[in-house]
């Protein structure tokens, strides 16, 4: 969800106002994904590198996160959305963690779209944590290193049990992965818009989905037409 600060500065507003306006885009996108029957939507809310930002901005982001967890519960429940959270909890205030856990608990039985929020998340950190867990199991004799498979690794990631993303959308024209779901997006389709996140709307989401539907996804192989013409 890139471009909150840049959008605000273009409007002559403080950077933090871009984060506040970005919450409205979260609501619109989440409700539309639920309406469309999208299985899972994962939003990159706070990266493990974002702690380098000014303290006043981090304090505002923590306040906004707590506020979101409380105020959006009615929307989450009305749309049958189940909330999951991935990332490390280090540095997140206890009160914010409490509200996160409360929202997860309240929505646990919902059966619609899964809304996965990546908070204090980094793809490399996720892999480090997975390796540590697997090393502990190997040392305890409950995991045979020689028999480790891709499925075993996936089962030790924060996203265990979740589907790998099919489509990765980047706003604000960013052309990089930024340490997001490095294992999981191996075969995801990338789609970039110049719109900043506060500008992201339902029509932009529909455009991304339409473009995705027209992609030729081969997963390293050949599609039927290419295979028939191969010699």
C-alpha atoms as a PDB file:
ATOM      1  CA  UNK A   1       0.000   0.000   0.000  1.00  0.00           C
ATOM      2  CA  UNK A   2       2.556   2.549  -1.239  1.00  0.00           C
ATOM      3  CA  UNK A   3       2.351   6.290  -1.634  1.00  0.00           C
ATOM      4  CA  UNK A   4       0.413   7.483   1.413  1.00  0.00           C
ATOM      5  CA  UNK A   5       3.003  10.100   2.348  1.00  0.00           C
ATOM      6  CA  UNK A   6       3.622  11.208  -1.242  1.00  0.00           C
ATOM      7  CA  UNK A   7      -0.102  11.610  -1.856  1.00  0.00           C
ATOM      8  CA  UNK A   8      -0.454  13.748   1.256  1.00  0.00           C
ATOM      9  CA  UNK A   9       2.480  15.967   0.333  1.00  0.00           C
ATOM     10  CA  UNK A  10       1.013  16.572  -3.124  1.00  0.00           C
ATOM     11  CA  UNK A  11      -2.173  17.745  -1.414  1.00  0.00           C
ATOM     12  CA  UNK A  12      -0.222  20.037   0.879  1.00  0.00           C
ATOM     13  CA  UNK A  13      -1.075  17.828   3.877  1.00  0.00           C
ATOM     14  CA  UNK A  14       1.109  16.212   6.566  1.00  0.00           C
ATOM     15  CA  UNK A  15       2.419  12.744   5.672  1.00  0.00           C
ATOM     16  CA  UNK A  16       0.387  11.163   8.454  1.00  0.00           C
ATOM     17  CA  UNK A  17      -2.817  12.379   6.803  1.00  0.00           C
ATOM     18  CA  UNK A  18      -1.987  10.106   3.886  1.00  0.00           C
ATOM     19  CA  UNK A  19      -1.980   7.136   6.249  1.00  0.00           C
ATOM     20  CA  UNK A  20      -5.370   8.206   7.617  1.00  0.00           C
ATOM     21  CA  UNK A  21      -6.827   8.490   4.110  1.00  0.00           C
ATOM     22  CA  UNK A  22      -5.288   5.123   3.280  1.00  0.00           C
ATOM     23  CA  UNK A  23      -7.602   3.459   5.782  1.00  0.00           C
ATOM     24  CA  UNK A  24     -10.559   4.361   3.558  1.00  0.00           C
ATOM     25  CA  UNK A  25      -8.841   2.551   0.675  1.00  0.00           C
ATOM     26  CA  UNK A  26      -8.355  -0.472   2.925  1.00  0.00           C
ATOM     27  CA  UNK A  27     -12.078  -0.481   3.680  1.00  0.00           C
ATOM     28  CA  UNK A  28     -13.105  -0.102   0.019  1.00  0.00           C
ATOM     29  CA  UNK A  29     -10.712  -2.781  -1.188  1.00  0.00           C
ATOM     30  CA  UNK A  30     -11.570  -5.234   1.566  1.00  0.00           C
ATOM     31  CA  UNK A  31     -15.326  -4.876   1.068  1.00  0.00           C
ATOM     32  CA  UNK A  32     -14.991  -5.250  -2.700  1.00  0.00           C
ATOM     33  CA  UNK A  33     -12.826  -8.373  -2.387  1.00  0.00           C
ATOM     34  CA  UNK A  34     -15.440  -9.833  -0.047  1.00  0.00           C
ATOM     35  CA  UNK A  35     -18.206  -8.976  -2.527  1.00  0.00           C
ATOM     36  CA  UNK A  36     -16.269 -10.567  -5.392  1.00  0.00           C
ATOM     37  CA  UNK A  37     -15.563 -13.717  -3.392  1.00  0.00           C
ATOM     38  CA  UNK A  38     -11.772 -13.324  -3.400  1.00  0.00           C
ATOM     39  CA  UNK A  39     -10.377 -16.104  -1.203  1.00  0.00           C
ATOM     40  CA  UNK A  40      -7.695 -14.011   0.484  1.00  0.00           C
ATOM     41  CA  UNK A  41      -6.447 -10.438   0.514  1.00  0.00           C
ATOM     42  CA  UNK A  42      -3.076  -9.746   2.135  1.00  0.00           C
ATOM     43  CA  UNK A  43      -2.215  -6.121   2.902  1.00  0.00           C
ATOM     44  CA  UNK A  44       1.343  -5.008   3.697  1.00  0.00           C
ATOM     45  CA  UNK A  45       0.598  -2.632   6.578  1.00  0.00           C
ATOM     46  CA  UNK A  46       3.972  -2.218   8.280  1.00  0.00           C
ATOM     47  CA  UNK A  47       7.286  -3.679   7.183  1.00  0.00           C
ATOM     48  CA  UNK A  48      10.064  -4.621   9.565  1.00  0.00           C
ATOM     49  CA  UNK A  49      12.107  -1.860   7.901  1.00  0.00           C
ATOM     50  CA  UNK A  50       9.490   0.831   8.601  1.00  0.00           C
ATOM     51  CA  UNK A  51      10.785   1.235  12.170  1.00  0.00           C
ATOM     52  CA  UNK A  52      13.436   3.505  10.637  1.00  0.00           C
ATOM     53  CA  UNK A  53      10.792   6.186  10.116  1.00  0.00           C
ATOM     54  CA  UNK A  54      10.419   9.218  12.437  1.00  0.00           C
ATOM     55  CA  UNK A  55       8.995   8.359  15.860  1.00  0.00           C
ATOM     56  CA  UNK A  56       5.994  10.677  15.490  1.00  0.00           C
ATOM     57  CA  UNK A  57       4.972   8.838  12.314  1.00  0.00           C
ATOM     58  CA  UNK A  58       5.396   5.434  13.971  1.00  0.00           C
ATOM     59  CA  UNK A  59       3.327   6.579  16.959  1.00  0.00           C
ATOM     60  CA  UNK A  60       0.594   7.726  14.587  1.00  0.00           C
ATOM     61  CA  UNK A  61       0.681   4.416  12.693  1.00  0.00           C
ATOM     62  CA  UNK A  62       0.295   2.468  15.951  1.00  0.00           C
ATOM     63  CA  UNK A  63      -2.641   4.693  16.944  1.00  0.00           C
ATOM     64  CA  UNK A  64      -4.200   4.216  13.509  1.00  0.00           C
ATOM     65  CA  UNK A  65      -3.753   0.450  13.706  1.00  0.00           C
ATOM     66  CA  UNK A  66      -5.439   0.287  17.114  1.00  0.00           C
ATOM     67  CA  UNK A  67      -8.254   2.511  15.876  1.00  0.00           C
ATOM     68  CA  UNK A  68      -8.723   0.349  12.776  1.00  0.00           C
ATOM     69  CA  UNK A  69      -8.928  -2.843  14.822  1.00  0.00           C
ATOM     70  CA  UNK A  70     -11.726  -1.363  16.913  1.00  0.00           C
ATOM     71  CA  UNK A  71     -13.719   0.693  14.405  1.00  0.00           C
ATOM     72  CA  UNK A  72     -13.663  -1.761  11.490  1.00  0.00           C
ATOM     73  CA  UNK A  73     -15.025  -4.721  13.434  1.00  0.00           C
ATOM     74  CA  UNK A  74     -18.595  -4.023  12.358  1.00  0.00           C
ATOM     75  CA  UNK A  75     -17.512  -3.923   8.694  1.00  0.00           C
ATOM     76  CA  UNK A  76     -15.489  -7.097   9.107  1.00  0.00           C
ATOM     77  CA  UNK A  77     -18.366  -8.963  10.682  1.00  0.00           C
ATOM     78  CA  UNK A  78     -20.988  -7.611   8.247  1.00  0.00           C
ATOM     79  CA  UNK A  79     -18.900  -8.891   5.327  1.00  0.00           C
ATOM     80  CA  UNK A  80     -18.136 -12.311   6.865  1.00  0.00           C
ATOM     81  CA  UNK A  81     -14.383 -11.557   6.767  1.00  0.00           C
ATOM     82  CA  UNK A  82     -11.869 -13.551   8.787  1.00  0.00           C
ATOM     83  CA  UNK A  83      -8.838 -11.573   9.991  1.00  0.00           C
ATOM     84  CA  UNK A  84      -5.361 -13.070  10.228  1.00  0.00           C
ATOM     85  CA  UNK A  85      -2.126 -11.271  11.109  1.00  0.00           C
ATOM     86  CA  UNK A  86       1.431 -12.203  10.138  1.00  0.00           C
ATOM     87  CA  UNK A  87       4.725 -10.713  11.315  1.00  0.00           C
ATOM     88  CA  UNK A  88       6.671 -10.275  14.518  1.00  0.00           C
ATOM     89  CA  UNK A  89       5.130  -8.636  17.575  1.00  0.00           C
ATOM     90  CA  UNK A  90       8.316  -6.934  18.757  1.00  0.00           C
ATOM     91  CA  UNK A  91       7.800  -3.203  19.153  1.00  0.00           C
ATOM     92  CA  UNK A  92       4.018  -3.249  18.827  1.00  0.00           C
ATOM     93  CA  UNK A  93       2.395  -1.735  21.962  1.00  0.00           C
ATOM     94  CA  UNK A  94       0.551  -4.200  24.194  1.00  0.00           C
ATOM     95  CA  UNK A  95      -2.754  -2.342  23.837  1.00  0.00           C
ATOM     96  CA  UNK A  96      -2.514  -2.561  20.062  1.00  0.00           C
ATOM     97  CA  UNK A  97      -1.716  -6.272  20.307  1.00  0.00           C
ATOM     98  CA  UNK A  98      -4.759  -6.717  22.543  1.00  0.00           C
ATOM     99  CA  UNK A  99      -7.059  -5.132  19.951  1.00  0.00           C
ATOM    100  CA  UNK A 100      -5.456  -7.190  17.183  1.00  0.00           C
ATOM    101  CA  UNK A 101      -6.109 -10.389  19.115  1.00  0.00           C
ATOM    102  CA  UNK A 102      -9.667  -9.323  19.895  1.00  0.00           C
ATOM    103  CA  UNK A 103     -10.463  -8.755  16.213  1.00  0.00           C
ATOM    104  CA  UNK A 104      -8.900 -12.078  15.252  1.00  0.00           C
ATOM    105  CA  UNK A 105     -10.963 -13.834  17.918  1.00  0.00           C
ATOM    106  CA  UNK A 106     -14.231 -12.154  16.929  1.00  0.00           C
ATOM    107  CA  UNK A 107     -13.823 -12.994  13.239  1.00  0.00           C
ATOM    108  CA  UNK A 108     -12.396 -16.496  13.647  1.00  0.00           C
ATOM    109  CA  UNK A 109     -15.638 -18.266  12.678  1.00  0.00           C
ATOM    110  CA  UNK A 110     -16.279 -16.132   9.585  1.00  0.00           C
ATOM    111  CA  UNK A 111     -16.172 -18.068   6.319  1.00  0.00           C
ATOM    112  CA  UNK A 112     -15.749 -15.396   3.655  1.00  0.00           C
ATOM    113  CA  UNK A 113     -12.629 -13.613   2.463  1.00  0.00           C
ATOM    114  CA  UNK A 114      -9.567 -13.925   4.669  1.00  0.00           C
ATOM    115  CA  UNK A 115      -8.030 -10.522   5.354  1.00  0.00           C
ATOM    116  CA  UNK A 116      -4.380 -11.095   6.224  1.00  0.00           C
ATOM    117  CA  UNK A 117      -2.591  -8.061   7.644  1.00  0.00           C
ATOM    118  CA  UNK A 118       1.206  -8.085   7.444  1.00  0.00           C
ATOM    119  CA  UNK A 119       2.324  -6.039  10.457  1.00  0.00           C
ATOM    120  CA  UNK A 120       5.989  -5.673  11.416  1.00  0.00           C
ATOM    121  CA  UNK A 121       6.561  -8.158   8.612  1.00  0.00           C
ATOM    122  CA  UNK A 122       9.611  -8.927   6.507  1.00  0.00           C
ATOM    123  CA  UNK A 123      10.035 -11.831   4.121  1.00  0.00           C
ATOM    124  CA  UNK A 124      13.625 -12.522   5.118  1.00  0.00           C
ATOM    125  CA  UNK A 125      12.735 -12.377   8.809  1.00  0.00           C
ATOM    126  CA  UNK A 126       9.920 -14.841   8.166  1.00  0.00           C
ATOM    127  CA  UNK A 127      12.381 -17.255   6.571  1.00  0.00           C
ATOM    128  CA  UNK A 128      14.816 -16.842   9.481  1.00  0.00           C
ATOM    129  CA  UNK A 129      12.054 -17.676  11.945  1.00  0.00           C
ATOM    130  CA  UNK A 130      11.039 -20.704   9.875  1.00  0.00           C
ATOM    131  CA  UNK A 131      14.628 -21.993   9.732  1.00  0.00           C
ATOM    132  CA  UNK A 132      14.993 -21.542  13.490  1.00  0.00           C
ATOM    133  CA  UNK A 133      11.849 -23.577  14.148  1.00  0.00           C
ATOM    134  CA  UNK A 134      12.960 -26.315  11.800  1.00  0.00           C
ATOM    135  CA  UNK A 135      16.447 -26.377  13.332  1.00  0.00           C
ATOM    136  CA  UNK A 136      14.922 -26.749  16.798  1.00  0.00           C
ATOM    137  CA  UNK A 137      12.756 -29.628  15.605  1.00  0.00           C
ATOM    138  CA  UNK A 138      15.757 -31.270  13.952  1.00  0.00           C
ATOM    139  CA  UNK A 139      17.782 -30.930  17.167  1.00  0.00           C
ATOM    140  CA  UNK A 140      14.900 -32.458  19.097  1.00  0.00           C
ATOM    141  CA  UNK A 141      14.769 -35.382  16.700  1.00  0.00           C
ATOM    142  CA  UNK A 142      11.248 -34.604  15.440  1.00  0.00           C
ATOM    143  CA  UNK A 143      12.346 -33.478  11.970  1.00  0.00           C
ATOM    144  CA  UNK A 144      14.720 -35.305   9.631  1.00  0.00           C
ATOM    145  CA  UNK A 145      16.821 -32.699   7.756  1.00  0.00           C
ATOM    146  CA  UNK A 146      17.381 -35.101   4.883  1.00  0.00           C
ATOM    147  CA  UNK A 147      13.654 -35.386   4.226  1.00  0.00           C
ATOM    148  CA  UNK A 148      12.710 -31.672   4.294  1.00  0.00           C
ATOM    149  CA  UNK A 149      10.460 -30.697   1.374  1.00  0.00           C
ATOM    150  CA  UNK A 150       9.030 -27.427   0.064  1.00  0.00           C
ATOM    151  CA  UNK A 151       5.790 -28.289   1.839  1.00  0.00           C
ATOM    152  CA  UNK A 152       7.682 -28.609   5.127  1.00  0.00           C
ATOM    153  CA  UNK A 153       9.169 -25.148   4.675  1.00  0.00           C
ATOM    154  CA  UNK A 154       5.775 -23.646   3.776  1.00  0.00           C
ATOM    155  CA  UNK A 155       4.297 -25.229   6.907  1.00  0.00           C
ATOM    156  CA  UNK A 156       6.793 -23.334   9.077  1.00  0.00           C
ATOM    157  CA  UNK A 157       6.169 -19.911   7.545  1.00  0.00           C
ATOM    158  CA  UNK A 158       3.811 -17.325   9.089  1.00  0.00           C
ATOM    159  CA  UNK A 159       1.409 -18.080   6.240  1.00  0.00           C
ATOM    160  CA  UNK A 160       1.090 -21.809   6.966  1.00  0.00           C
ATOM    161  CA  UNK A 161      -2.280 -23.003   5.716  1.00  0.00           C
ATOM    162  CA  UNK A 162      -2.858 -19.941   3.535  1.00  0.00           C
ATOM    163  CA  UNK A 163      -2.850 -20.006  -0.275  1.00  0.00           C
ATOM    164  CA  UNK A 164       0.076 -18.491  -2.163  1.00  0.00           C
ATOM    165  CA  UNK A 165      -0.852 -15.168  -3.805  1.00  0.00           C
ATOM    166  CA  UNK A 166      -1.892 -15.239  -7.451  1.00  0.00           C
ATOM    167  CA  UNK A 167      -1.659 -11.474  -7.951  1.00  0.00           C
ATOM    168  CA  UNK A 168       0.644  -8.879  -6.386  1.00  0.00           C
ATOM    169  CA  UNK A 169      -0.543  -5.274  -6.788  1.00  0.00           C
ATOM    170  CA  UNK A 170       1.841  -2.361  -6.178  1.00  0.00           C
ATOM    171  CA  UNK A 171       0.639   1.210  -5.991  1.00  0.00           C
ATOM    172  CA  UNK A 172       2.529   4.494  -6.533  1.00  0.00           C
ATOM    173  CA  UNK A 173       4.475   3.031  -9.453  1.00  0.00           C
ATOM    174  CA  UNK A 174       6.865   1.044  -7.274  1.00  0.00           C
ATOM    175  CA  UNK A 175       8.760  -1.611  -9.246  1.00  0.00           C
ATOM    176  CA  UNK A 176      10.249  -3.751  -6.488  1.00  0.00           C
ATOM    177  CA  UNK A 177       9.200  -6.571  -4.151  1.00  0.00           C
ATOM    178  CA  UNK A 178      10.224  -4.817  -0.898  1.00  0.00           C
ATOM    179  CA  UNK A 179      10.758  -7.983   1.146  1.00  0.00           C
ATOM    180  CA  UNK A 180       7.096  -9.045   0.845  1.00  0.00           C
ATOM    181  CA  UNK A 181       6.146 -12.751   0.912  1.00  0.00           C
ATOM    182  CA  UNK A 182       9.394 -13.728  -0.811  1.00  0.00           C
ATOM    183  CA  UNK A 183       8.709 -17.467  -0.714  1.00  0.00           C
ATOM    184  CA  UNK A 184       4.992 -17.225  -1.436  1.00  0.00           C
ATOM    185  CA  UNK A 185       5.053 -14.960  -4.522  1.00  0.00           C
ATOM    186  CA  UNK A 186       7.353 -17.191  -6.569  1.00  0.00           C
ATOM    187  CA  UNK A 187       4.728 -17.457  -9.323  1.00  0.00           C
ATOM    188  CA  UNK A 188       2.501 -14.482  -8.535  1.00  0.00           C
ATOM    189  CA  UNK A 189       1.611 -12.108 -11.358  1.00  0.00           C
ATOM    190  CA  UNK A 190       2.813  -8.529 -10.772  1.00  0.00           C
ATOM    191  CA  UNK A 191       0.612  -5.514 -11.529  1.00  0.00           C
ATOM    192  CA  UNK A 192       1.648  -1.907 -10.959  1.00  0.00           C
ATOM    193  CA  UNK A 193      -0.441   1.268 -10.918  1.00  0.00           C
ATOM    194  CA  UNK A 194       0.779   4.848 -10.702  1.00  0.00           C
ATOM    195  CA  UNK A 195      -2.061   5.611  -8.293  1.00  0.00           C
ATOM    196  CA  UNK A 196      -0.998   6.162  -4.697  1.00  0.00           C
ATOM    197  CA  UNK A 197      -2.756   3.994  -2.149  1.00  0.00           C
ATOM    198  CA  UNK A 198      -5.234   6.683  -0.964  1.00  0.00           C
ATOM    199  CA  UNK A 199      -6.416   6.903  -4.596  1.00  0.00           C
ATOM    200  CA  UNK A 200      -6.867   3.148  -5.015  1.00  0.00           C
ATOM    201  CA  UNK A 201     -10.511   2.334  -5.701  1.00  0.00           C
ATOM    202  CA  UNK A 202     -12.801  -0.463  -6.790  1.00  0.00           C
ATOM    203  CA  UNK A 203     -12.339   0.276 -10.496  1.00  0.00           C
ATOM    204  CA  UNK A 204      -8.556   0.033 -10.162  1.00  0.00           C
ATOM    205  CA  UNK A 205      -8.976  -3.316  -8.422  1.00  0.00           C
ATOM    206  CA  UNK A 206     -11.269  -4.496 -11.225  1.00  0.00           C
ATOM    207  CA  UNK A 207      -8.715  -3.396 -13.834  1.00  0.00           C
ATOM    208  CA  UNK A 208      -5.984  -5.357 -12.070  1.00  0.00           C
ATOM    209  CA  UNK A 209      -8.189  -8.449 -11.946  1.00  0.00           C
ATOM    210  CA  UNK A 210      -9.147  -8.118 -15.616  1.00  0.00           C
ATOM    211  CA  UNK A 211      -5.493  -7.823 -16.625  1.00  0.00           C
ATOM    212  CA  UNK A 212      -4.636 -10.802 -14.412  1.00  0.00           C
ATOM    213  CA  UNK A 213      -7.372 -12.860 -16.071  1.00  0.00           C
ATOM    214  CA  UNK A 214      -5.719 -12.250 -19.441  1.00  0.00           C
ATOM    215  CA  UNK A 215      -2.265 -13.382 -18.346  1.00  0.00           C
ATOM    216  CA  UNK A 216      -0.781 -16.641 -19.618  1.00  0.00           C
ATOM    217  CA  UNK A 217       0.342 -18.376 -16.434  1.00  0.00           C
ATOM    218  CA  UNK A 218       2.736 -21.226 -17.289  1.00  0.00           C
ATOM    219  CA  UNK A 219       4.433 -21.835 -13.905  1.00  0.00           C
ATOM    220  CA  UNK A 220       7.692 -22.638 -15.677  1.00  0.00           C
ATOM    221  CA  UNK A 221       6.096 -24.928 -18.236  1.00  0.00           C
ATOM    222  CA  UNK A 222       4.194 -24.455 -21.500  1.00  0.00           C
ATOM    223  CA  UNK A 223       0.544 -23.794 -22.128  1.00  0.00           C
ATOM    224  CA  UNK A 224      -1.428 -26.125 -24.353  1.00  0.00           C
ATOM    225  CA  UNK A 225      -0.951 -24.045 -27.547  1.00  0.00           C
ATOM    226  CA  UNK A 226       2.805 -23.720 -27.039  1.00  0.00           C
ATOM    227  CA  UNK A 227       3.186 -27.427 -26.240  1.00  0.00           C
ATOM    228  CA  UNK A 228       1.368 -28.464 -29.402  1.00  0.00           C
ATOM    229  CA  UNK A 229       3.676 -26.321 -31.530  1.00  0.00           C
ATOM    230  CA  UNK A 230       6.875 -27.450 -29.791  1.00  0.00           C
ATOM    231  CA  UNK A 231       9.331 -29.664 -31.630  1.00  0.00           C
END
